[in-house]
Structure formats: C-alpha cells, structure tokens
Amino acid sequence: MHAPFEGPPSPLHMKDVETIHWEQYGFNFGSWDEKKVWAIELPVTKMPVSDFDWHLDVPYWDSIDGKKFSVTPRDVLTRKSGTEKEQERVKNINTNYPIDVLFHEGKWFILDGVHRLIRILQEGQGSISVRVFPNERFHEIR
C-alpha cells in the first residue's frame, strides 16, 4: 500500500528526508485507499508505457538502509545498491493485473502498480494494461 500523501511536506533537498513534498510531482489531489480502488470494477485497456515515464524519477520507497523516500523506479531498473527490497518485489510481482491510473492536470498518475510498470519495462513491453479511474469518482476511494 502507498504511504498516504498527507501531512506537512518537507523540502526534497533536505539531507534526511522523512516526508516528501508530493505536490512537486503533481500529487496534489489527495490520498486514496488502494483497497477501495481494487473494489471498483473498471474496464481494462492498454496504454503505452511511455505515458508513465515520469514516474521513473519519483522517490516512492525507502532504501534498505532506511533512508526515507530515496529509491526511484529508475534506481530499481538499474539495480542501484540499496534497492534490493524493491527489486525482489518486482521479481515476484504478478503482471496479470492491470495498473490503476488517473489522469490529472495533463498527465497520468499511477494509483496502484508502479512495481508492475517496472516489470513490464524490464520485459521490454511497449504497452501496459490499465484501469482508468474516473476523476469524478475519486471521492469513492478516499
């Protein structure tokens, strides 16, 4: 489950970041509950993986030495030291499930499925199965 995108943000350039300023990446639409996302039936379609390239540089995860919000999907793709936990998650991920996405302010946001995106990229696939979450229903997943 994603860490909730809430609370007072700290500047990303701080030495020991404990929280992250999610708004700088465009996550300014509030937090969501993945279980609620999964419970809603939506059609599955395909999208180019390139629509999600910007996610590769978002520090979603902690490193194995505990440094908060220091591991990006690109770090996992390049097998950077400290990303072994996320590499293992990607290795064991089931890509049969689509990722859940939301279109907001001109770009696609992944609500659930960043590890699946990494795996699809590792496999060299050009498209990914997605469920597009309607903006007008976002209140249902808070």
N, C-alpha and C. Protein backbone atom coordinates (compact mmCIF):
# COMPACT_ATOMS: atom_id res chain seq x y z
N MET A 1 0.84 -1.17 0.00
CA MET A 1 0.00 0.00 0.00
C MET A 1 0.88 1.23 0.00
N HIS A 2 0.46 2.28 -0.70
CA HIS A 2 1.21 3.54 -0.73
C HIS A 2 1.13 4.22 0.62
N ALA A 3 2.21 4.92 0.97
CA ALA A 3 2.14 5.81 2.12
C ALA A 3 1.18 6.93 1.75
N PRO A 4 0.33 7.36 2.68
CA PRO A 4 -0.61 8.42 2.34
C PRO A 4 0.11 9.71 1.99
N PHE A 5 -0.43 10.44 1.03
CA PHE A 5 0.15 11.70 0.60
C PHE A 5 -0.48 12.81 1.42
N GLU A 6 -0.03 12.95 2.65
CA GLU A 6 -0.61 13.96 3.52
C GLU A 6 0.41 14.42 4.54
N GLY A 7 0.04 15.36 5.35
CA GLY A 7 0.94 15.87 6.37
C GLY A 7 1.79 17.00 5.82
N PRO A 8 2.45 17.71 6.73
CA PRO A 8 3.27 18.83 6.26
C PRO A 8 4.47 18.33 5.50
N PRO A 9 4.64 18.78 4.26
CA PRO A 9 5.74 18.30 3.44
C PRO A 9 7.07 18.93 3.85
N SER A 10 8.14 18.19 3.66
CA SER A 10 9.49 18.70 3.86
C SER A 10 10.11 18.90 2.50
N PRO A 11 11.00 19.89 2.34
CA PRO A 11 11.65 20.06 1.05
C PRO A 11 12.45 18.81 0.68
N LEU A 12 12.38 18.43 -0.57
CA LEU A 12 13.03 17.22 -1.02
C LEU A 12 14.54 17.29 -0.90
N HIS A 13 15.12 18.48 -0.92
CA HIS A 13 16.57 18.61 -0.89
C HIS A 13 17.15 18.47 0.52
N MET A 14 16.32 18.30 1.54
CA MET A 14 16.85 18.14 2.90
C MET A 14 17.68 16.87 3.00
N LYS A 15 18.68 16.89 3.86
CA LYS A 15 19.60 15.76 3.98
C LYS A 15 18.89 14.48 4.43
N ASP A 16 18.09 14.54 5.46
CA ASP A 16 17.39 13.37 5.98
C ASP A 16 15.89 13.57 5.80
N VAL A 17 15.41 13.28 4.63
CA VAL A 17 14.01 13.48 4.32
C VAL A 17 13.17 12.41 5.02
N GLU A 18 12.23 12.82 5.82
CA GLU A 18 11.33 11.89 6.50
C GLU A 18 9.97 11.85 5.81
N THR A 19 9.61 12.95 5.19
CA THR A 19 8.39 13.01 4.39
C THR A 19 8.80 13.62 3.06
N ILE A 20 7.91 13.60 2.14
CA ILE A 20 8.24 14.11 0.81
C ILE A 20 7.18 15.11 0.38
N HIS A 21 7.58 16.10 -0.35
CA HIS A 21 6.68 17.11 -0.87
C HIS A 21 6.06 16.56 -2.15
N TRP A 22 5.01 15.76 -2.01
CA TRP A 22 4.40 15.06 -3.14
C TRP A 22 3.86 16.01 -4.19
N GLU A 23 3.47 17.20 -3.77
CA GLU A 23 2.90 18.15 -4.72
C GLU A 23 3.89 18.51 -5.83
N GLN A 24 5.20 18.46 -5.54
CA GLN A 24 6.17 18.81 -6.58
C GLN A 24 6.13 17.83 -7.75
N TYR A 25 5.55 16.67 -7.52
CA TYR A 25 5.39 15.68 -8.59
C TYR A 25 3.98 15.70 -9.17
N GLY A 26 3.13 16.57 -8.64
CA GLY A 26 1.77 16.68 -9.15
C GLY A 26 0.73 15.93 -8.34
N PHE A 27 1.16 15.24 -7.28
CA PHE A 27 0.21 14.51 -6.44
C PHE A 27 -0.48 15.49 -5.50
N ASN A 28 -1.31 16.36 -6.08
CA ASN A 28 -1.99 17.38 -5.30
C ASN A 28 -3.49 17.13 -5.22
N PHE A 29 -3.89 15.90 -5.45
CA PHE A 29 -5.32 15.58 -5.47
C PHE A 29 -5.76 14.76 -4.27
N GLY A 30 -4.88 14.57 -3.30
CA GLY A 30 -5.26 13.89 -2.07
C GLY A 30 -4.84 12.44 -2.03
N SER A 31 -5.07 11.82 -0.91
CA SER A 31 -4.68 10.43 -0.72
C SER A 31 -5.83 9.50 -1.12
N TRP A 32 -5.53 8.22 -1.23
CA TRP A 32 -6.53 7.24 -1.62
C TRP A 32 -6.25 5.93 -0.92
N ASP A 33 -7.25 5.08 -0.92
CA ASP A 33 -7.16 3.77 -0.30
C ASP A 33 -7.12 2.73 -1.43
N GLU A 34 -5.99 2.04 -1.55
CA GLU A 34 -5.85 1.07 -2.65
C GLU A 34 -6.92 -0.01 -2.62
N LYS A 35 -7.30 -0.44 -1.44
CA LYS A 35 -8.33 -1.48 -1.35
C LYS A 35 -9.65 -1.00 -1.95
N LYS A 36 -9.95 0.27 -1.77
CA LYS A 36 -11.16 0.83 -2.38
C LYS A 36 -11.00 0.91 -3.89
N VAL A 37 -9.80 1.22 -4.36
CA VAL A 37 -9.53 1.24 -5.81
C VAL A 37 -9.78 -0.14 -6.38
N TRP A 38 -9.22 -1.16 -5.76
CA TRP A 38 -9.34 -2.54 -6.25
C TRP A 38 -10.80 -3.01 -6.29
N ALA A 39 -11.63 -2.51 -5.36
CA ALA A 39 -13.01 -2.98 -5.24
C ALA A 39 -13.92 -2.44 -6.35
N ILE A 40 -13.49 -1.41 -7.03
CA ILE A 40 -14.33 -0.80 -8.08
C ILE A 40 -14.04 -1.47 -9.41
N GLU A 41 -15.11 -1.92 -10.06
CA GLU A 41 -14.95 -2.57 -11.36
C GLU A 41 -14.81 -1.50 -12.45
N LEU A 42 -13.73 -1.65 -13.20
CA LEU A 42 -13.46 -0.74 -14.31
C LEU A 42 -12.97 -1.56 -15.50
N PRO A 43 -13.23 -1.09 -16.72
CA PRO A 43 -12.73 -1.81 -17.88
C PRO A 43 -11.20 -1.71 -17.97
N VAL A 44 -10.62 -2.71 -18.59
CA VAL A 44 -9.17 -2.75 -18.79
C VAL A 44 -8.87 -2.39 -20.24
N THR A 45 -7.87 -1.54 -20.41
CA THR A 45 -7.42 -1.15 -21.74
C THR A 45 -5.90 -1.16 -21.74
N LYS A 46 -5.29 -0.89 -22.87
CA LYS A 46 -3.83 -0.83 -22.99
C LYS A 46 -3.41 0.62 -23.21
N MET A 47 -2.25 0.95 -22.64
CA MET A 47 -1.66 2.26 -22.85
C MET A 47 -0.17 2.09 -23.09
N PRO A 48 0.46 3.03 -23.78
CA PRO A 48 1.92 2.97 -23.97
C PRO A 48 2.62 3.17 -22.62
N VAL A 49 3.64 2.38 -22.35
CA VAL A 49 4.39 2.55 -21.10
C VAL A 49 5.04 3.93 -21.05
N SER A 50 5.31 4.53 -22.19
CA SER A 50 5.94 5.85 -22.21
C SER A 50 5.08 6.92 -21.55
N ASP A 51 3.76 6.69 -21.44
CA ASP A 51 2.88 7.65 -20.76
C ASP A 51 3.22 7.76 -19.27
N PHE A 52 3.99 6.81 -18.77
CA PHE A 52 4.30 6.77 -17.34
C PHE A 52 5.78 6.99 -17.05
N ASP A 53 6.54 7.40 -18.07
CA ASP A 53 7.99 7.58 -17.90
C ASP A 53 8.34 8.50 -16.73
N TRP A 54 7.56 9.53 -16.51
CA TRP A 54 7.89 10.50 -15.46
C TRP A 54 7.90 9.85 -14.08
N HIS A 55 7.17 8.75 -13.91
CA HIS A 55 7.14 8.05 -12.62
C HIS A 55 8.50 7.44 -12.27
N LEU A 56 9.33 7.22 -13.27
CA LEU A 56 10.62 6.56 -13.03
C LEU A 56 11.55 7.38 -12.14
N ASP A 57 11.29 8.66 -12.01
CA ASP A 57 12.16 9.52 -11.20
C ASP A 57 11.51 10.02 -9.91
N VAL A 58 10.42 9.40 -9.52
CA VAL A 58 9.76 9.76 -8.26
C VAL A 58 10.27 8.83 -7.16
N PRO A 59 10.78 9.37 -6.06
CA PRO A 59 11.32 8.52 -4.98
C PRO A 59 10.20 7.97 -4.09
N TYR A 60 9.60 6.87 -4.53
CA TYR A 60 8.46 6.29 -3.82
C TYR A 60 8.85 5.53 -2.55
N TRP A 61 10.04 4.94 -2.52
CA TRP A 61 10.34 3.96 -1.48
C TRP A 61 11.59 4.30 -0.68
N ASP A 62 11.73 3.60 0.44
CA ASP A 62 12.91 3.74 1.30
C ASP A 62 13.99 2.77 0.83
N SER A 63 15.24 3.14 1.07
CA SER A 63 16.34 2.25 0.75
C SER A 63 16.46 1.18 1.83
N ILE A 64 17.23 0.13 1.56
CA ILE A 64 17.37 -0.94 2.55
C ILE A 64 18.07 -0.47 3.81
N ASP A 65 18.81 0.64 3.74
CA ASP A 65 19.45 1.17 4.95
C ASP A 65 18.54 2.14 5.69
N GLY A 66 17.28 2.24 5.24
CA GLY A 66 16.29 3.04 5.95
C GLY A 66 16.18 4.48 5.53
N LYS A 67 16.91 4.91 4.52
CA LYS A 67 16.81 6.30 4.07
C LYS A 67 15.44 6.49 3.41
N LYS A 68 14.65 7.37 3.99
CA LYS A 68 13.27 7.60 3.54
C LYS A 68 13.21 8.22 2.15
N PHE A 69 12.25 7.76 1.36
CA PHE A 69 11.95 8.32 0.05
C PHE A 69 13.21 8.58 -0.78
N SER A 70 14.01 7.55 -0.93
CA SER A 70 15.28 7.69 -1.64
C SER A 70 15.41 6.76 -2.84
N VAL A 71 14.44 5.88 -3.03
CA VAL A 71 14.52 4.90 -4.11
C VAL A 71 13.46 5.20 -5.17
N THR A 72 13.92 5.37 -6.40
CA THR A 72 13.02 5.61 -7.53
C THR A 72 12.87 4.33 -8.35
N PRO A 73 11.82 4.24 -9.16
CA PRO A 73 11.71 3.11 -10.07
C PRO A 73 12.94 2.98 -10.99
N ARG A 74 13.51 4.10 -11.42
CA ARG A 74 14.71 4.05 -12.26
C ARG A 74 15.87 3.40 -11.51
N ASP A 75 15.99 3.69 -10.21
CA ASP A 75 17.02 3.05 -9.39
C ASP A 75 16.84 1.54 -9.37
N VAL A 76 15.59 1.10 -9.28
CA VAL A 76 15.30 -0.33 -9.27
C VAL A 76 15.63 -0.94 -10.63
N LEU A 77 15.24 -0.25 -11.70
CA LEU A 77 15.53 -0.74 -13.05
C LEU A 77 17.03 -0.90 -13.30
N THR A 78 17.82 0.01 -12.75
CA THR A 78 19.27 -0.04 -12.95
C THR A 78 19.98 -0.83 -11.86
N ARG A 79 19.20 -1.42 -10.97
CA ARG A 79 19.73 -2.26 -9.89
C ARG A 79 20.74 -1.53 -9.00
N LYS A 80 20.42 -0.29 -8.71
CA LYS A 80 21.26 0.53 -7.85
C LYS A 80 21.34 -0.10 -6.45
N SER A 81 22.49 -0.02 -5.84
CA SER A 81 22.67 -0.54 -4.49
C SER A 81 21.67 0.12 -3.54
N GLY A 82 21.09 -0.68 -2.65
CA GLY A 82 20.10 -0.18 -1.71
C GLY A 82 18.67 -0.41 -2.16
N THR A 83 18.51 -0.95 -3.38
CA THR A 83 17.16 -1.15 -3.93
C THR A 83 16.75 -2.62 -3.93
N GLU A 84 17.50 -3.45 -3.25
CA GLU A 84 17.26 -4.89 -3.31
C GLU A 84 15.85 -5.28 -2.88
N LYS A 85 15.30 -4.60 -1.88
CA LYS A 85 13.94 -4.91 -1.42
C LYS A 85 12.93 -4.70 -2.55
N GLU A 86 13.05 -3.58 -3.23
CA GLU A 86 12.11 -3.28 -4.33
C GLU A 86 12.38 -4.17 -5.54
N GLN A 87 13.64 -4.52 -5.78
CA GLN A 87 13.96 -5.45 -6.87
C GLN A 87 13.28 -6.79 -6.63
N GLU A 88 13.28 -7.25 -5.38
CA GLU A 88 12.63 -8.52 -5.05
C GLU A 88 11.12 -8.43 -5.26
N ARG A 89 10.53 -7.31 -4.88
CA ARG A 89 9.09 -7.12 -5.09
C ARG A 89 8.76 -7.16 -6.59
N VAL A 90 9.60 -6.52 -7.40
CA VAL A 90 9.38 -6.51 -8.85
C VAL A 90 9.52 -7.94 -9.40
N LYS A 91 10.51 -8.65 -8.94
CA LYS A 91 10.75 -10.02 -9.40
C LYS A 91 9.54 -10.91 -9.14
N ASN A 92 8.85 -10.69 -8.02
CA ASN A 92 7.74 -11.54 -7.62
C ASN A 92 6.37 -10.99 -7.99
N ILE A 93 6.32 -9.86 -8.68
CA ILE A 93 5.05 -9.21 -8.98
C ILE A 93 4.27 -9.97 -10.06
N ASN A 94 2.96 -9.93 -9.96
CA ASN A 94 2.09 -10.57 -10.94
C ASN A 94 1.62 -9.51 -11.92
N THR A 95 2.12 -9.58 -13.13
CA THR A 95 1.75 -8.58 -14.14
C THR A 95 0.44 -8.91 -14.86
N ASN A 96 -0.25 -9.93 -14.41
CA ASN A 96 -1.56 -10.22 -15.00
C ASN A 96 -2.61 -9.19 -14.57
N TYR A 97 -2.33 -8.48 -13.48
CA TYR A 97 -3.25 -7.45 -13.02
C TYR A 97 -2.89 -6.13 -13.69
N PRO A 98 -3.90 -5.37 -14.11
CA PRO A 98 -3.62 -4.06 -14.72
C PRO A 98 -3.21 -3.07 -13.63
N ILE A 99 -2.56 -1.99 -14.04
CA ILE A 99 -2.28 -0.92 -13.10
C ILE A 99 -3.49 0.02 -13.08
N ASP A 100 -3.68 0.73 -11.98
CA ASP A 100 -4.78 1.67 -11.84
C ASP A 100 -4.23 3.07 -12.01
N VAL A 101 -4.83 3.84 -12.92
CA VAL A 101 -4.31 5.16 -13.25
C VAL A 101 -5.41 6.22 -13.21
N LEU A 102 -4.97 7.45 -13.06
CA LEU A 102 -5.86 8.60 -13.02
C LEU A 102 -5.22 9.70 -13.86
N PHE A 103 -5.99 10.34 -14.71
CA PHE A 103 -5.47 11.47 -15.49
C PHE A 103 -5.76 12.75 -14.72
N HIS A 104 -4.71 13.52 -14.45
CA HIS A 104 -4.86 14.72 -13.63
C HIS A 104 -3.89 15.79 -14.12
N GLU A 105 -4.42 16.96 -14.41
CA GLU A 105 -3.63 18.11 -14.83
C GLU A 105 -2.61 17.78 -15.92
N GLY A 106 -3.08 17.04 -16.92
CA GLY A 106 -2.27 16.81 -18.10
C GLY A 106 -1.33 15.62 -18.09
N LYS A 107 -1.37 14.81 -17.01
CA LYS A 107 -0.52 13.62 -17.03
C LYS A 107 -1.17 12.47 -16.27
N TRP A 108 -0.66 11.27 -16.55
CA TRP A 108 -1.18 10.04 -15.97
C TRP A 108 -0.49 9.73 -14.66
N PHE A 109 -1.28 9.49 -13.63
CA PHE A 109 -0.79 9.14 -12.30
C PHE A 109 -1.12 7.68 -12.01
N ILE A 110 -0.17 6.98 -11.46
CA ILE A 110 -0.40 5.58 -11.08
C ILE A 110 -0.92 5.55 -9.65
N LEU A 111 -2.14 5.05 -9.47
CA LEU A 111 -2.72 4.88 -8.14
C LEU A 111 -2.24 3.57 -7.52
N ASP A 112 -2.04 2.57 -8.35
CA ASP A 112 -1.53 1.28 -7.91
C ASP A 112 -0.87 0.60 -9.10
N GLY A 113 0.38 0.15 -8.91
CA GLY A 113 1.01 -0.62 -9.97
C GLY A 113 2.40 -0.19 -10.40
N VAL A 114 3.10 0.59 -9.61
CA VAL A 114 4.44 1.03 -10.02
C VAL A 114 5.38 -0.16 -10.18
N HIS A 115 5.31 -1.14 -9.29
CA HIS A 115 6.17 -2.32 -9.43
C HIS A 115 5.85 -3.09 -10.71
N ARG A 116 4.57 -3.16 -11.07
CA ARG A 116 4.19 -3.83 -12.32
C ARG A 116 4.72 -3.07 -13.52
N LEU A 117 4.70 -1.74 -13.45
CA LEU A 117 5.27 -0.94 -14.54
C LEU A 117 6.75 -1.27 -14.71
N ILE A 118 7.49 -1.35 -13.62
CA ILE A 118 8.92 -1.67 -13.70
C ILE A 118 9.12 -3.02 -14.36
N ARG A 119 8.34 -3.99 -13.96
CA ARG A 119 8.48 -5.35 -14.53
C ARG A 119 8.19 -5.35 -16.03
N ILE A 120 7.15 -4.64 -16.44
CA ILE A 120 6.79 -4.54 -17.85
C ILE A 120 7.94 -3.89 -18.62
N LEU A 121 8.55 -2.86 -18.05
CA LEU A 121 9.71 -2.21 -18.68
C LEU A 121 10.89 -3.17 -18.77
N GLN A 122 11.13 -3.94 -17.72
CA GLN A 122 12.22 -4.92 -17.74
C GLN A 122 12.01 -5.94 -18.85
N GLU A 123 10.76 -6.29 -19.09
CA GLU A 123 10.44 -7.28 -20.12
C GLU A 123 10.45 -6.67 -21.52
N GLY A 124 10.64 -5.37 -21.61
CA GLY A 124 10.73 -4.71 -22.91
C GLY A 124 9.40 -4.51 -23.61
N GLN A 125 8.31 -4.58 -22.88
CA GLN A 125 6.99 -4.40 -23.49
C GLN A 125 6.73 -2.91 -23.72
N GLY A 126 6.03 -2.60 -24.78
CA GLY A 126 5.76 -1.21 -25.12
C GLY A 126 4.43 -0.70 -24.60
N SER A 127 3.59 -1.62 -24.12
CA SER A 127 2.29 -1.20 -23.60
C SER A 127 2.01 -1.96 -22.30
N ILE A 128 1.05 -1.42 -21.56
CA ILE A 128 0.70 -1.99 -20.27
C ILE A 128 -0.82 -1.95 -20.11
N SER A 129 -1.37 -2.96 -19.46
CA SER A 129 -2.80 -2.99 -19.18
C SER A 129 -3.11 -2.03 -18.03
N VAL A 130 -4.15 -1.23 -18.22
CA VAL A 130 -4.52 -0.24 -17.22
C VAL A 130 -6.03 -0.24 -16.99
N ARG A 131 -6.39 0.22 -15.81
CA ARG A 131 -7.78 0.57 -15.49
C ARG A 131 -7.76 2.07 -15.24
N VAL A 132 -8.48 2.81 -16.05
CA VAL A 132 -8.51 4.27 -15.92
C VAL A 132 -9.58 4.65 -14.91
N PHE A 133 -9.13 5.27 -13.82
CA PHE A 133 -10.06 5.67 -12.78
C PHE A 133 -10.66 7.04 -13.12
N PRO A 134 -11.99 7.14 -13.15
CA PRO A 134 -12.63 8.41 -13.49
C PRO A 134 -12.43 9.46 -12.39
N ASN A 135 -11.99 10.63 -12.76
CA ASN A 135 -11.76 11.71 -11.79
C ASN A 135 -13.00 12.00 -10.94
N GLU A 136 -14.15 11.97 -11.58
CA GLU A 136 -15.38 12.32 -10.86
C GLU A 136 -15.75 11.29 -9.79
N ARG A 137 -15.07 10.14 -9.78
CA ARG A 137 -15.33 9.12 -8.76
C ARG A 137 -14.23 9.06 -7.71
N PHE A 138 -13.27 9.98 -7.77
CA PHE A 138 -12.15 9.94 -6.84
C PHE A 138 -12.61 9.95 -5.38
N HIS A 139 -13.69 10.66 -5.09
CA HIS A 139 -14.19 10.71 -3.72
C HIS A 139 -14.53 9.31 -3.16
N GLU A 140 -14.79 8.36 -4.04
CA GLU A 140 -15.15 7.00 -3.61
C GLU A 140 -13.96 6.21 -3.06
N ILE A 141 -12.75 6.67 -3.33
CA ILE A 141 -11.57 5.90 -2.91
C ILE A 141 -10.76 6.60 -1.81
N ARG A 142 -11.29 7.63 -1.24
CA ARG A 142 -10.61 8.33 -0.14
C ARG A 142 -10.69 7.54 1.15
